[in-house]
Amino acid sequence: MKSDRLLSILLLLQTRGLVPATELAERLEVSVRTIYRDIEALSASGVPVYAERGRHGGIALLPGFRTDVTGLTADEARALFVLAAEGAHAALGLDEALGSALRKVMAALPEPHRPAAELTSRRILVDPVRWMSGPQPAVDVAELHDAVFADRRLRLDYRHSGMGTPRTYTVDPYGLVVKAGVWYLVADRDGVPQLFRADRVRRATLTDEAVVRRPGVELADLWDTLRRQVEERPGRVRLLLRVHRSRLDLFVRLHGGALTGEPQPEGPDGPEVGEAGGGHGEWLRAELAVESVEWARALLSFGPNVEVISPPEARDVLLRHAAAVVELYGEAGGP
């Protein structure tokens, strides 16, 4: 559109100074004649633009003329250059578009804001992937991305966790969410909102049926509801633990999502239950809400630095698995 082209010419002239008409025509994919007509339109609208003829001529703005096309403040400009989810742009095939957009914003920024914005992009880097999360499987998010914009129902072949065979569902998509490097499709199935992990989608096929979304329901609202359901889901089993202070940071980092509260130091009389020992202040009490007593085996990696106090069934789980490990490595004649 002509208005977009006029804005592009203005941004280029602000950034580059004197620009040959042939270069403007090439970059904007129009004729030189069209460029000169656009320059006349800019001049008629009050922009002090002029043309210099000759071998080293071109089109330029009068010295000192600047316009804040974006209206951005200094903090807003810096915020745009903190890319909080670079992986999201790559997964959607928008890396090049993002780079192009940021270059345009940089060109449009008032001169005093540019150094801070450029420095922010070099000094701040946000990696959305958690430590020790392991490599994420390749996911064709572009297919789902196209589907959520098509306004049609989607047929999914979806493999649930722990199941070898995918199931087929017809869903009404609301959109995509990326959380800590993991993509989710938010959709209604039979009118009930659900989360579908993108890396478990085996096939996604658009149907000929129009999408049916509930009136007034937005993606952000659904995500907030589903997120809270996951985070606030009550565990069926409460494990009471003792955690050695030297491993507390790692323990919280790995299992903080299951904690029911902040770990608390033990009393001056030491532990009431257990054999781990340790002086006052070395141990803290913690409670985890987990799915089953079998989950307790995940704590074996902490060795003697984490002790399950209750329930007794969880202690039996640890004892059984620890005995199996001792038997495995205690066999004579092993390789």
C-alpha atoms as a PDB file:
ATOM      1  CA  MET A   1       0.000   0.000   0.000  1.00  0.00           C
ATOM      2  CA  LYS A   2       1.129   3.535  -0.685  1.00  0.00           C
ATOM      3  CA  SER A   3       0.970   4.612   2.970  1.00  0.00           C
ATOM      4  CA  ASP A   4       3.275   1.730   3.947  1.00  0.00           C
ATOM      5  CA  ARG A   5       5.676   2.674   1.179  1.00  0.00           C
ATOM      6  CA  LEU A   6       5.745   6.318   2.235  1.00  0.00           C
ATOM      7  CA  LEU A   7       6.517   5.287   5.813  1.00  0.00           C
ATOM      8  CA  SER A   8       9.289   2.976   4.600  1.00  0.00           C
ATOM      9  CA  ILE A   9      10.829   5.799   2.550  1.00  0.00           C
ATOM     10  CA  LEU A  10      10.715   8.131   5.553  1.00  0.00           C
ATOM     11  CA  LEU A  11      12.366   5.532   7.828  1.00  0.00           C
ATOM     12  CA  LEU A  12      15.101   4.798   5.292  1.00  0.00           C
ATOM     13  CA  LEU A  13      15.871   8.478   4.807  1.00  0.00           C
ATOM     14  CA  GLN A  14      16.017   9.049   8.569  1.00  0.00           C
ATOM     15  CA  THR A  15      18.434   6.145   8.943  1.00  0.00           C
ATOM     16  CA  ARG A  16      20.588   6.491   5.834  1.00  0.00           C
ATOM     17  CA  GLY A  17      20.560  10.175   4.978  1.00  0.00           C
ATOM     18  CA  LEU A  18      21.079  10.618   1.219  1.00  0.00           C
ATOM     19  CA  VAL A  19      19.696   7.589  -0.686  1.00  0.00           C
ATOM     20  CA  PRO A  20      19.677   7.218  -4.504  1.00  0.00           C
ATOM     21  CA  ALA A  21      16.199   6.971  -6.012  1.00  0.00           C
ATOM     22  CA  THR A  22      17.241   3.794  -7.837  1.00  0.00           C
ATOM     23  CA  GLU A  23      18.112   2.118  -4.513  1.00  0.00           C
ATOM     24  CA  LEU A  24      14.789   3.144  -2.981  1.00  0.00           C
ATOM     25  CA  ALA A  25      12.967   1.766  -6.020  1.00  0.00           C
ATOM     26  CA  GLU A  26      14.874  -1.515  -5.823  1.00  0.00           C
ATOM     27  CA  ARG A  27      14.317  -1.992  -2.098  1.00  0.00           C
ATOM     28  CA  LEU A  28      10.607  -1.145  -2.296  1.00  0.00           C
ATOM     29  CA  GLU A  29      10.105  -3.051  -5.576  1.00  0.00           C
ATOM     30  CA  VAL A  30       8.604  -0.143  -7.501  1.00  0.00           C
ATOM     31  CA  SER A  31       9.746   2.040 -10.391  1.00  0.00           C
ATOM     32  CA  VAL A  32      11.922   5.142 -10.028  1.00  0.00           C
ATOM     33  CA  ARG A  33       9.003   7.172 -11.401  1.00  0.00           C
ATOM     34  CA  THR A  34       6.833   5.888  -8.503  1.00  0.00           C
ATOM     35  CA  ILE A  35       9.532   6.884  -6.008  1.00  0.00           C
ATOM     36  CA  TYR A  36       9.548  10.444  -7.287  1.00  0.00           C
ATOM     37  CA  ARG A  37       5.749  10.582  -7.058  1.00  0.00           C
ATOM     38  CA  ASP A  38       6.015   9.353  -3.455  1.00  0.00           C
ATOM     39  CA  ILE A  39       8.590  12.058  -2.695  1.00  0.00           C
ATOM     40  CA  GLU A  40       6.162  14.678  -4.015  1.00  0.00           C
ATOM     41  CA  ALA A  41       3.443  13.231  -1.760  1.00  0.00           C
ATOM     42  CA  LEU A  42       5.745  13.416   1.278  1.00  0.00           C
ATOM     43  CA  SER A  43       6.681  17.004   0.450  1.00  0.00           C
ATOM     44  CA  ALA A  44       3.010  17.955   0.040  1.00  0.00           C
ATOM     45  CA  SER A  45       2.279  16.505   3.509  1.00  0.00           C
ATOM     46  CA  GLY A  46       4.904  18.767   5.091  1.00  0.00           C
ATOM     47  CA  VAL A  47       7.936  16.476   5.195  1.00  0.00           C
ATOM     48  CA  PRO A  48      11.041  18.533   4.214  1.00  0.00           C
ATOM     49  CA  VAL A  49      12.360  16.107   1.584  1.00  0.00           C
ATOM     50  CA  TYR A  50      14.387  17.095  -1.480  1.00  0.00           C
ATOM     51  CA  ALA A  51      16.236  15.518  -4.406  1.00  0.00           C
ATOM     52  CA  GLU A  52      19.872  16.125  -5.370  1.00  0.00           C
ATOM     53  CA  ARG A  53      20.716  15.514  -8.982  1.00  0.00           C
ATOM     54  CA  GLY A  54      24.038  14.318 -10.341  1.00  0.00           C
ATOM     55  CA  ARG A  55      26.283  11.272 -10.130  1.00  0.00           C
ATOM     56  CA  HIS A  56      26.360  11.298  -6.326  1.00  0.00           C
ATOM     57  CA  GLY A  57      22.840  12.621  -5.909  1.00  0.00           C
ATOM     58  CA  GLY A  58      19.806  11.100  -4.284  1.00  0.00           C
ATOM     59  CA  ILE A  59      16.914  11.880  -2.011  1.00  0.00           C
ATOM     60  CA  ALA A  60      17.326  13.210   1.519  1.00  0.00           C
ATOM     61  CA  LEU A  61      15.615  15.005   4.371  1.00  0.00           C
ATOM     62  CA  LEU A  62      16.617  18.497   5.409  1.00  0.00           C
ATOM     63  CA  PRO A  63      19.394  18.394   8.030  1.00  0.00           C
ATOM     64  CA  GLY A  64      18.069  18.199  11.585  1.00  0.00           C
ATOM     65  CA  PHE A  65      14.615  16.929  10.636  1.00  0.00           C
ATOM     66  CA  ARG A  66      13.495  13.938  12.724  1.00  0.00           C
ATOM     67  CA  THR A  67      10.128  12.478  13.474  1.00  0.00           C
ATOM     68  CA  ASP A  68       9.322   9.931  16.178  1.00  0.00           C
ATOM     69  CA  VAL A  69       7.238   7.630  14.001  1.00  0.00           C
ATOM     70  CA  THR A  70       6.715   5.085  16.775  1.00  0.00           C
ATOM     71  CA  GLY A  71       5.958   7.359  19.723  1.00  0.00           C
ATOM     72  CA  LEU A  72       7.942   4.939  21.904  1.00  0.00           C
ATOM     73  CA  THR A  73       9.496   5.981  25.183  1.00  0.00           C
ATOM     74  CA  ALA A  74      13.061   4.974  26.036  1.00  0.00           C
ATOM     75  CA  ASP A  75      11.900   2.125  28.322  1.00  0.00           C
ATOM     76  CA  GLU A  76       9.415   0.860  25.722  1.00  0.00           C
ATOM     77  CA  ALA A  77      12.163   0.770  23.120  1.00  0.00           C
ATOM     78  CA  ARG A  78      14.456  -1.218  25.423  1.00  0.00           C
ATOM     79  CA  ALA A  79      11.660  -3.646  26.260  1.00  0.00           C
ATOM     80  CA  LEU A  80      11.185  -4.525  22.593  1.00  0.00           C
ATOM     81  CA  PHE A  81      14.778  -5.681  22.334  1.00  0.00           C
ATOM     82  CA  VAL A  82      14.618  -8.114  25.236  1.00  0.00           C
ATOM     83  CA  LEU A  83      13.597 -11.239  23.368  1.00  0.00           C
ATOM     84  CA  ALA A  84      12.067 -13.385  26.113  1.00  0.00           C
ATOM     85  CA  ALA A  85      11.291 -16.375  23.908  1.00  0.00           C
ATOM     86  CA  GLU A  86      13.604 -16.545  20.924  1.00  0.00           C
ATOM     87  CA  GLY A  87      12.860 -20.244  20.463  1.00  0.00           C
ATOM     88  CA  ALA A  88       9.196 -19.432  19.922  1.00  0.00           C
ATOM     89  CA  HIS A  89       9.966 -17.320  16.864  1.00  0.00           C
ATOM     90  CA  ALA A  90      12.173 -20.055  15.410  1.00  0.00           C
ATOM     91  CA  ALA A  91       9.517 -22.734  15.946  1.00  0.00           C
ATOM     92  CA  LEU A  92       6.953 -20.618  14.106  1.00  0.00           C
ATOM     93  CA  GLY A  93       9.346 -19.784  11.273  1.00  0.00           C
ATOM     94  CA  LEU A  94       9.319 -16.107  12.236  1.00  0.00           C
ATOM     95  CA  ASP A  95      13.020 -15.544  12.995  1.00  0.00           C
ATOM     96  CA  GLU A  96      13.642 -13.541   9.825  1.00  0.00           C
ATOM     97  CA  ALA A  97      10.417 -11.581  10.254  1.00  0.00           C
ATOM     98  CA  LEU A  98      11.379 -10.731  13.833  1.00  0.00           C
ATOM     99  CA  GLY A  99      14.800  -9.502  12.761  1.00  0.00           C
ATOM    100  CA  SER A 100      13.255  -7.391  10.032  1.00  0.00           C
ATOM    101  CA  ALA A 101      10.687  -5.918  12.415  1.00  0.00           C
ATOM    102  CA  LEU A 102      13.322  -4.984  14.973  1.00  0.00           C
ATOM    103  CA  ARG A 103      15.451  -3.313  12.306  1.00  0.00           C
ATOM    104  CA  LYS A 104      12.448  -1.230  11.292  1.00  0.00           C
ATOM    105  CA  VAL A 105      11.778  -0.284  14.901  1.00  0.00           C
ATOM    106  CA  MET A 106      15.442   0.653  15.363  1.00  0.00           C
ATOM    107  CA  ALA A 107      15.271   2.876  12.306  1.00  0.00           C
ATOM    108  CA  ALA A 108      12.131   4.557  13.591  1.00  0.00           C
ATOM    109  CA  LEU A 109      13.448   5.232  17.084  1.00  0.00           C
ATOM    110  CA  PRO A 110      14.386   8.775  18.058  1.00  0.00           C
ATOM    111  CA  GLU A 111      18.149   9.173  18.004  1.00  0.00           C
ATOM    112  CA  PRO A 112      18.548   9.439  21.823  1.00  0.00           C
ATOM    113  CA  HIS A 113      16.813   6.056  22.327  1.00  0.00           C
ATOM    114  CA  ARG A 114      18.867   4.031  19.844  1.00  0.00           C
ATOM    115  CA  PRO A 115      22.052   3.388  21.885  1.00  0.00           C
ATOM    116  CA  ALA A 116      20.086   2.058  24.880  1.00  0.00           C
ATOM    117  CA  ALA A 117      17.958  -0.227  22.698  1.00  0.00           C
ATOM    118  CA  GLU A 118      20.971  -1.584  20.834  1.00  0.00           C
ATOM    119  CA  LEU A 119      22.925  -2.119  24.070  1.00  0.00           C
ATOM    120  CA  THR A 120      19.959  -3.957  25.614  1.00  0.00           C
ATOM    121  CA  SER A 121      19.871  -6.439  22.734  1.00  0.00           C
ATOM    122  CA  ARG A 122      23.587  -7.170  23.324  1.00  0.00           C
ATOM    123  CA  ARG A 123      23.562  -7.247  27.131  1.00  0.00           C
ATOM    124  CA  ILE A 124      20.291  -9.109  27.910  1.00  0.00           C
ATOM    125  CA  LEU A 125      19.642 -12.683  26.792  1.00  0.00           C
ATOM    126  CA  VAL A 126      16.753 -14.821  28.033  1.00  0.00           C
ATOM    127  CA  ASP A 127      16.940 -18.599  27.599  1.00  0.00           C
ATOM    128  CA  PRO A 128      13.467 -20.071  28.293  1.00  0.00           C
ATOM    129  CA  VAL A 129      14.668 -23.674  28.711  1.00  0.00           C
ATOM    130  CA  ARG A 130      15.158 -24.926  32.280  1.00  0.00           C
ATOM    131  CA  TRP A 131      18.421 -26.456  33.489  1.00  0.00           C
ATOM    132  CA  MET A 132      18.675 -30.244  33.259  1.00  0.00           C
ATOM    133  CA  SER A 133      15.433 -30.475  31.329  1.00  0.00           C
ATOM    134  CA  GLY A 134      17.071 -32.564  28.621  1.00  0.00           C
ATOM    135  CA  PRO A 135      16.854 -32.003  24.865  1.00  0.00           C
ATOM    136  CA  GLN A 136      13.396 -31.160  23.606  1.00  0.00           C
ATOM    137  CA  PRO A 137      12.068 -33.269  20.712  1.00  0.00           C
ATOM    138  CA  ALA A 138      11.616 -31.557  17.375  1.00  0.00           C
ATOM    139  CA  VAL A 139       8.032 -30.322  17.042  1.00  0.00           C
ATOM    140  CA  ASP A 140       6.329 -29.137  13.857  1.00  0.00           C
ATOM    141  CA  VAL A 141       4.576 -26.210  15.507  1.00  0.00           C
ATOM    142  CA  ALA A 142       4.080 -24.495  12.137  1.00  0.00           C
ATOM    143  CA  GLU A 143       1.355 -27.021  11.265  1.00  0.00           C
ATOM    144  CA  LEU A 144      -0.535 -26.284  14.470  1.00  0.00           C
ATOM    145  CA  HIS A 145       0.104 -22.562  14.011  1.00  0.00           C
ATOM    146  CA  ASP A 146      -1.614 -22.654  10.615  1.00  0.00           C
ATOM    147  CA  ALA A 147      -4.475 -24.666  12.098  1.00  0.00           C
ATOM    148  CA  VAL A 148      -5.317 -22.223  14.890  1.00  0.00           C
ATOM    149  CA  PHE A 149      -5.614 -19.392  12.345  1.00  0.00           C
ATOM    150  CA  ALA A 150      -7.757 -21.366   9.898  1.00  0.00           C
ATOM    151  CA  ASP A 151     -10.906 -21.140  12.066  1.00  0.00           C
ATOM    152  CA  ARG A 152     -11.710 -24.768  11.373  1.00  0.00           C
ATOM    153  CA  ARG A 153     -11.970 -27.796  13.600  1.00  0.00           C
ATOM    154  CA  LEU A 154      -8.869 -29.897  13.989  1.00  0.00           C
ATOM    155  CA  ARG A 155      -8.528 -33.669  14.060  1.00  0.00           C
ATOM    156  CA  LEU A 156      -5.649 -34.809  16.265  1.00  0.00           C
ATOM    157  CA  ASP A 157      -3.917 -38.154  16.544  1.00  0.00           C
ATOM    158  CA  TYR A 158      -2.615 -37.682  20.076  1.00  0.00           C
ATOM    159  CA  ARG A 159      -0.485 -39.948  22.269  1.00  0.00           C
ATOM    160  CA  HIS A 160      -1.092 -39.503  25.983  1.00  0.00           C
ATOM    161  CA  SER A 161       1.744 -39.932  28.471  1.00  0.00           C
ATOM    162  CA  GLY A 162       2.328 -43.603  29.244  1.00  0.00           C
ATOM    163  CA  MET A 163       0.283 -44.805  26.270  1.00  0.00           C
ATOM    164  CA  GLY A 164       1.827 -46.385  23.198  1.00  0.00           C
ATOM    165  CA  THR A 165      -1.145 -45.974  20.858  1.00  0.00           C
ATOM    166  CA  PRO A 166      -2.423 -42.513  19.841  1.00  0.00           C
ATOM    167  CA  ARG A 167      -6.075 -41.594  20.227  1.00  0.00           C
ATOM    168  CA  THR A 168      -8.042 -39.491  17.758  1.00  0.00           C
ATOM    169  CA  TYR A 169      -9.914 -36.371  18.855  1.00  0.00           C
ATOM    170  CA  THR A 170     -11.783 -33.611  17.056  1.00  0.00           C
ATOM    171  CA  VAL A 171     -11.124 -30.315  18.824  1.00  0.00           C
ATOM    172  CA  ASP A 172     -11.907 -26.621  18.542  1.00  0.00           C
ATOM    173  CA  PRO A 173      -8.565 -24.778  18.817  1.00  0.00           C
ATOM    174  CA  TYR A 174      -8.166 -21.463  20.621  1.00  0.00           C
ATOM    175  CA  GLY A 175      -4.415 -21.044  20.201  1.00  0.00           C
ATOM    176  CA  LEU A 176      -0.886 -22.068  21.121  1.00  0.00           C
ATOM    177  CA  VAL A 177       1.071 -21.437  24.317  1.00  0.00           C
ATOM    178  CA  VAL A 178       4.799 -22.005  24.875  1.00  0.00           C
ATOM    179  CA  LYS A 179       5.843 -22.533  28.496  1.00  0.00           C
ATOM    180  CA  ALA A 180       9.496 -23.143  29.454  1.00  0.00           C
ATOM    181  CA  GLY A 181      10.253 -24.299  25.910  1.00  0.00           C
ATOM    182  CA  VAL A 182       7.274 -26.678  25.692  1.00  0.00           C
ATOM    183  CA  TRP A 183       4.454 -25.945  23.246  1.00  0.00           C
ATOM    184  CA  TYR A 184       0.808 -26.609  24.099  1.00  0.00           C
ATOM    185  CA  LEU A 185      -2.341 -26.483  21.991  1.00  0.00           C
ATOM    186  CA  VAL A 186      -5.292 -25.061  23.943  1.00  0.00           C
ATOM    187  CA  ALA A 187      -8.558 -26.403  22.572  1.00  0.00           C
ATOM    188  CA  ASP A 188     -12.080 -27.437  23.501  1.00  0.00           C
ATOM    189  CA  ARG A 189     -12.986 -31.118  23.218  1.00  0.00           C
ATOM    190  CA  ASP A 190     -16.726 -31.587  23.405  1.00  0.00           C
ATOM    191  CA  GLY A 191     -16.959 -28.111  24.916  1.00  0.00           C
ATOM    192  CA  VAL A 192     -14.407 -28.824  27.676  1.00  0.00           C
ATOM    193  CA  PRO A 193     -11.024 -26.995  27.598  1.00  0.00           C
ATOM    194  CA  GLN A 194      -7.931 -29.198  27.441  1.00  0.00           C
ATOM    195  CA  LEU A 195      -4.171 -28.920  26.982  1.00  0.00           C
ATOM    196  CA  PHE A 196      -2.448 -30.951  24.279  1.00  0.00           C
ATOM    197  CA  ARG A 197       1.359 -31.094  24.271  1.00  0.00           C
ATOM    198  CA  ALA A 198       2.567 -30.381  20.747  1.00  0.00           C
ATOM    199  CA  ASP A 199       5.320 -33.010  20.944  1.00  0.00           C
ATOM    200  CA  ARG A 200       2.671 -35.702  21.508  1.00  0.00           C
ATOM    201  CA  VAL A 201       0.627 -34.781  18.433  1.00  0.00           C
ATOM    202  CA  ARG A 202       1.276 -37.466  15.847  1.00  0.00           C
ATOM    203  CA  ARG A 203      -0.909 -35.917  13.174  1.00  0.00           C
ATOM    204  CA  ALA A 204      -2.992 -32.756  12.878  1.00  0.00           C
ATOM    205  CA  THR A 205      -5.593 -32.528  10.107  1.00  0.00           C
ATOM    206  CA  LEU A 206      -7.915 -29.637   9.336  1.00  0.00           C
ATOM    207  CA  THR A 207     -11.543 -30.612   8.850  1.00  0.00           C
ATOM    208  CA  ASP A 208     -14.167 -28.870   6.708  1.00  0.00           C
ATOM    209  CA  GLU A 209     -16.183 -27.922   9.806  1.00  0.00           C
ATOM    210  CA  ALA A 210     -16.047 -24.372  11.136  1.00  0.00           C
ATOM    211  CA  VAL A 211     -14.491 -24.001  14.565  1.00  0.00           C
ATOM    212  CA  VAL A 212     -16.936 -23.667  17.468  1.00  0.00           C
ATOM    213  CA  ARG A 213     -15.631 -21.401  20.208  1.00  0.00           C
ATOM    214  CA  ARG A 214     -17.580 -20.383  23.266  1.00  0.00           C
ATOM    215  CA  PRO A 215     -18.695 -16.725  23.118  1.00  0.00           C
ATOM    216  CA  GLY A 216     -16.509 -14.339  25.091  1.00  0.00           C
ATOM    217  CA  VAL A 217     -13.842 -16.971  25.838  1.00  0.00           C
ATOM    218  CA  GLU A 218     -10.271 -15.974  24.964  1.00  0.00           C
ATOM    219  CA  LEU A 219      -7.023 -17.955  24.839  1.00  0.00           C
ATOM    220  CA  ALA A 220      -5.546 -16.074  27.824  1.00  0.00           C
ATOM    221  CA  ASP A 221      -8.577 -16.917  29.983  1.00  0.00           C
ATOM    222  CA  LEU A 222      -8.448 -20.603  29.096  1.00  0.00           C
ATOM    223  CA  TRP A 223      -4.700 -20.802  29.689  1.00  0.00           C
ATOM    224  CA  ASP A 224      -5.036 -19.200  33.102  1.00  0.00           C
ATOM    225  CA  THR A 225      -7.725 -21.726  34.083  1.00  0.00           C
ATOM    226  CA  LEU A 226      -5.838 -24.759  32.765  1.00  0.00           C
ATOM    227  CA  ARG A 227      -2.526 -23.590  34.251  1.00  0.00           C
ATOM    228  CA  ARG A 228      -4.062 -23.225  37.695  1.00  0.00           C
ATOM    229  CA  GLN A 229      -5.637 -26.661  37.415  1.00  0.00           C
ATOM    230  CA  VAL A 230      -2.203 -28.148  36.834  1.00  0.00           C
ATOM    231  CA  GLU A 231      -0.403 -26.108  39.479  1.00  0.00           C
ATOM    232  CA  GLU A 232      -3.072 -26.435  42.155  1.00  0.00           C
ATOM    233  CA  ARG A 233      -3.975 -30.061  41.533  1.00  0.00           C
ATOM    234  CA  PRO A 234      -3.926 -31.712  44.970  1.00  0.00           C
ATOM    235  CA  GLY A 235      -1.595 -34.652  45.342  1.00  0.00           C
ATOM    236  CA  ARG A 236      -3.137 -37.861  46.566  1.00  0.00           C
ATOM    237  CA  VAL A 237      -0.194 -38.549  48.891  1.00  0.00           C
ATOM    238  CA  ARG A 238       1.673 -36.233  51.262  1.00  0.00           C
ATOM    239  CA  LEU A 239       5.311 -37.113  51.937  1.00  0.00           C
ATOM    240  CA  LEU A 240       6.954 -35.722  55.061  1.00  0.00           C
ATOM    241  CA  LEU A 241      10.724 -35.419  54.526  1.00  0.00           C
ATOM    242  CA  ARG A 242      13.988 -34.367  56.128  1.00  0.00           C
ATOM    243  CA  VAL A 243      16.326 -32.530  53.755  1.00  0.00           C
ATOM    244  CA  HIS A 244      19.964 -31.788  54.541  1.00  0.00           C
ATOM    245  CA  ARG A 245      20.730 -28.107  54.170  1.00  0.00           C
ATOM    246  CA  SER A 246      23.652 -28.801  51.819  1.00  0.00           C
ATOM    247  CA  ARG A 247      21.195 -30.207  49.236  1.00  0.00           C
ATOM    248  CA  LEU A 248      18.275 -27.885  49.872  1.00  0.00           C
ATOM    249  CA  ASP A 249      18.825 -25.667  46.812  1.00  0.00           C
ATOM    250  CA  LEU A 250      18.997 -28.638  44.448  1.00  0.00           C
ATOM    251  CA  PHE A 251      16.016 -30.278  46.141  1.00  0.00           C
ATOM    252  CA  VAL A 252      13.863 -27.163  45.739  1.00  0.00           C
ATOM    253  CA  ARG A 253      14.997 -26.680  42.143  1.00  0.00           C
ATOM    254  CA  LEU A 254      14.011 -30.235  41.189  1.00  0.00           C
ATOM    255  CA  HIS A 255      10.910 -30.749  43.313  1.00  0.00           C
ATOM    256  CA  GLY A 256       9.756 -27.260  44.262  1.00  0.00           C
ATOM    257  CA  GLY A 257       6.578 -27.677  42.235  1.00  0.00           C
ATOM    258  CA  ALA A 258       5.389 -30.396  44.644  1.00  0.00           C
ATOM    259  CA  LEU A 259       6.220 -28.542  47.872  1.00  0.00           C
ATOM    260  CA  THR A 260       3.207 -27.625  49.996  1.00  0.00           C
ATOM    261  CA  GLY A 261       5.131 -24.865  51.773  1.00  0.00           C
ATOM    262  CA  GLU A 262       8.574 -23.541  52.629  1.00  0.00           C
ATOM    263  CA  PRO A 263      10.937 -26.108  54.210  1.00  0.00           C
ATOM    264  CA  GLN A 264      11.293 -25.373  57.933  1.00  0.00           C
ATOM    265  CA  PRO A 265      14.282 -25.984  60.242  1.00  0.00           C
ATOM    266  CA  GLU A 266      13.904 -28.830  62.688  1.00  0.00           C
ATOM    267  CA  GLY A 267      13.444 -28.122  66.378  1.00  0.00           C
ATOM    268  CA  PRO A 268      16.358 -27.936  68.840  1.00  0.00           C
ATOM    269  CA  ASP A 269      15.738 -31.494  69.954  1.00  0.00           C
ATOM    270  CA  GLY A 270      16.491 -32.893  66.510  1.00  0.00           C
ATOM    271  CA  PRO A 271      14.413 -35.308  64.513  1.00  0.00           C
ATOM    272  CA  GLU A 272      11.658 -37.242  66.153  1.00  0.00           C
ATOM    273  CA  VAL A 273      11.711 -39.986  63.514  1.00  0.00           C
ATOM    274  CA  GLY A 274      14.486 -41.437  61.364  1.00  0.00           C
ATOM    275  CA  GLU A 275      18.086 -42.448  61.535  1.00  0.00           C
ATOM    276  CA  ALA A 276      19.815 -39.845  59.380  1.00  0.00           C
ATOM    277  CA  GLY A 277      21.025 -37.810  62.377  1.00  0.00           C
ATOM    278  CA  GLY A 278      22.777 -34.464  62.124  1.00  0.00           C
ATOM    279  CA  GLY A 279      23.068 -31.493  64.427  1.00  0.00           C
ATOM    280  CA  HIS A 280      20.576 -28.722  64.974  1.00  0.00           C
ATOM    281  CA  GLY A 281      20.258 -26.480  61.920  1.00  0.00           C
ATOM    282  CA  GLU A 282      21.632 -29.025  59.454  1.00  0.00           C
ATOM    283  CA  TRP A 283      18.229 -30.497  58.582  1.00  0.00           C
ATOM    284  CA  LEU A 284      14.931 -29.060  57.441  1.00  0.00           C
ATOM    285  CA  ARG A 285      11.434 -30.508  57.288  1.00  0.00           C
ATOM    286  CA  ALA A 286       9.513 -30.398  54.022  1.00  0.00           C
ATOM    287  CA  GLU A 287       6.229 -31.763  52.725  1.00  0.00           C
ATOM    288  CA  LEU A 288       5.527 -32.820  49.146  1.00  0.00           C
ATOM    289  CA  ALA A 289       2.138 -33.471  47.516  1.00  0.00           C
ATOM    290  CA  VAL A 290       2.651 -36.259  44.950  1.00  0.00           C
ATOM    291  CA  GLU A 291       0.583 -38.646  42.888  1.00  0.00           C
ATOM    292  CA  SER A 292       1.494 -41.902  44.675  1.00  0.00           C
ATOM    293  CA  VAL A 293       3.924 -43.436  47.153  1.00  0.00           C
ATOM    294  CA  GLU A 294       5.861 -44.880  44.191  1.00  0.00           C
ATOM    295  CA  TRP A 295       6.942 -41.328  43.380  1.00  0.00           C
ATOM    296  CA  ALA A 296       9.262 -41.502  46.422  1.00  0.00           C
ATOM    297  CA  ARG A 297      11.862 -43.454  44.441  1.00  0.00           C
ATOM    298  CA  ALA A 298      12.738 -40.166  42.690  1.00  0.00           C
ATOM    299  CA  LEU A 299      14.402 -39.167  45.970  1.00  0.00           C
ATOM    300  CA  LEU A 300      16.968 -41.978  45.858  1.00  0.00           C
ATOM    301  CA  SER A 301      19.316 -39.744  43.857  1.00  0.00           C
ATOM    302  CA  PHE A 302      19.822 -37.633  47.028  1.00  0.00           C
ATOM    303  CA  GLY A 303      21.202 -40.640  48.932  1.00  0.00           C
ATOM    304  CA  PRO A 304      21.369 -40.042  52.705  1.00  0.00           C
ATOM    305  CA  ASN A 305      20.712 -36.300  52.291  1.00  0.00           C
ATOM    306  CA  VAL A 306      16.931 -36.756  52.013  1.00  0.00           C
ATOM    307  CA  GLU A 307      14.947 -39.014  54.334  1.00  0.00           C
ATOM    308  CA  VAL A 308      11.255 -39.838  54.029  1.00  0.00           C
ATOM    309  CA  ILE A 309       9.643 -39.804  57.465  1.00  0.00           C
ATOM    310  CA  SER A 310       6.099 -40.715  56.485  1.00  0.00           C
ATOM    311  CA  PRO A 311       4.015 -42.418  55.292  1.00  0.00           C
ATOM    312  CA  PRO A 312       5.542 -45.851  56.019  1.00  0.00           C
ATOM    313  CA  GLU A 313       4.491 -47.089  52.573  1.00  0.00           C
ATOM    314  CA  ALA A 314       6.795 -44.524  50.942  1.00  0.00           C
ATOM    315  CA  ARG A 315       9.687 -45.683  53.142  1.00  0.00           C
ATOM    316  CA  ASP A 316       8.955 -49.248  52.001  1.00  0.00           C
ATOM    317  CA  VAL A 317       9.170 -48.103  48.368  1.00  0.00           C
ATOM    318  CA  LEU A 318      12.603 -46.565  48.978  1.00  0.00           C
ATOM    319  CA  LEU A 319      13.788 -49.643  50.873  1.00  0.00           C
ATOM    320  CA  ARG A 320      12.680 -51.959  48.089  1.00  0.00           C
ATOM    321  CA  HIS A 321      14.346 -49.970  45.328  1.00  0.00           C
ATOM    322  CA  ALA A 322      17.509 -49.384  47.376  1.00  0.00           C
ATOM    323  CA  ALA A 323      17.746 -53.138  48.013  1.00  0.00           C
ATOM    324  CA  ALA A 324      17.390 -53.805  44.290  1.00  0.00           C
ATOM    325  CA  VAL A 325      20.249 -51.384  43.566  1.00  0.00           C
ATOM    326  CA  VAL A 326      22.449 -53.036  46.219  1.00  0.00           C
ATOM    327  CA  GLU A 327      21.694 -56.440  44.774  1.00  0.00           C
ATOM    328  CA  LEU A 328      22.507 -55.282  41.258  1.00  0.00           C
ATOM    329  CA  TYR A 329      25.881 -53.755  42.124  1.00  0.00           C
ATOM    330  CA  GLY A 330      26.728 -56.236  44.841  1.00  0.00           C
ATOM    331  CA  GLU A 331      26.653 -59.258  42.577  1.00  0.00           C
ATOM    332  CA  ALA A 332      30.006 -61.013  42.459  1.00  0.00           C
ATOM    333  CA  GLY A 333      31.686 -61.379  39.101  1.00  0.00           C
ATOM    334  CA  GLY A 334      29.996 -58.391  37.524  1.00  0.00           C
ATOM    335  CA  PRO A 335      31.607 -56.796  34.477  1.00  0.00           C
END
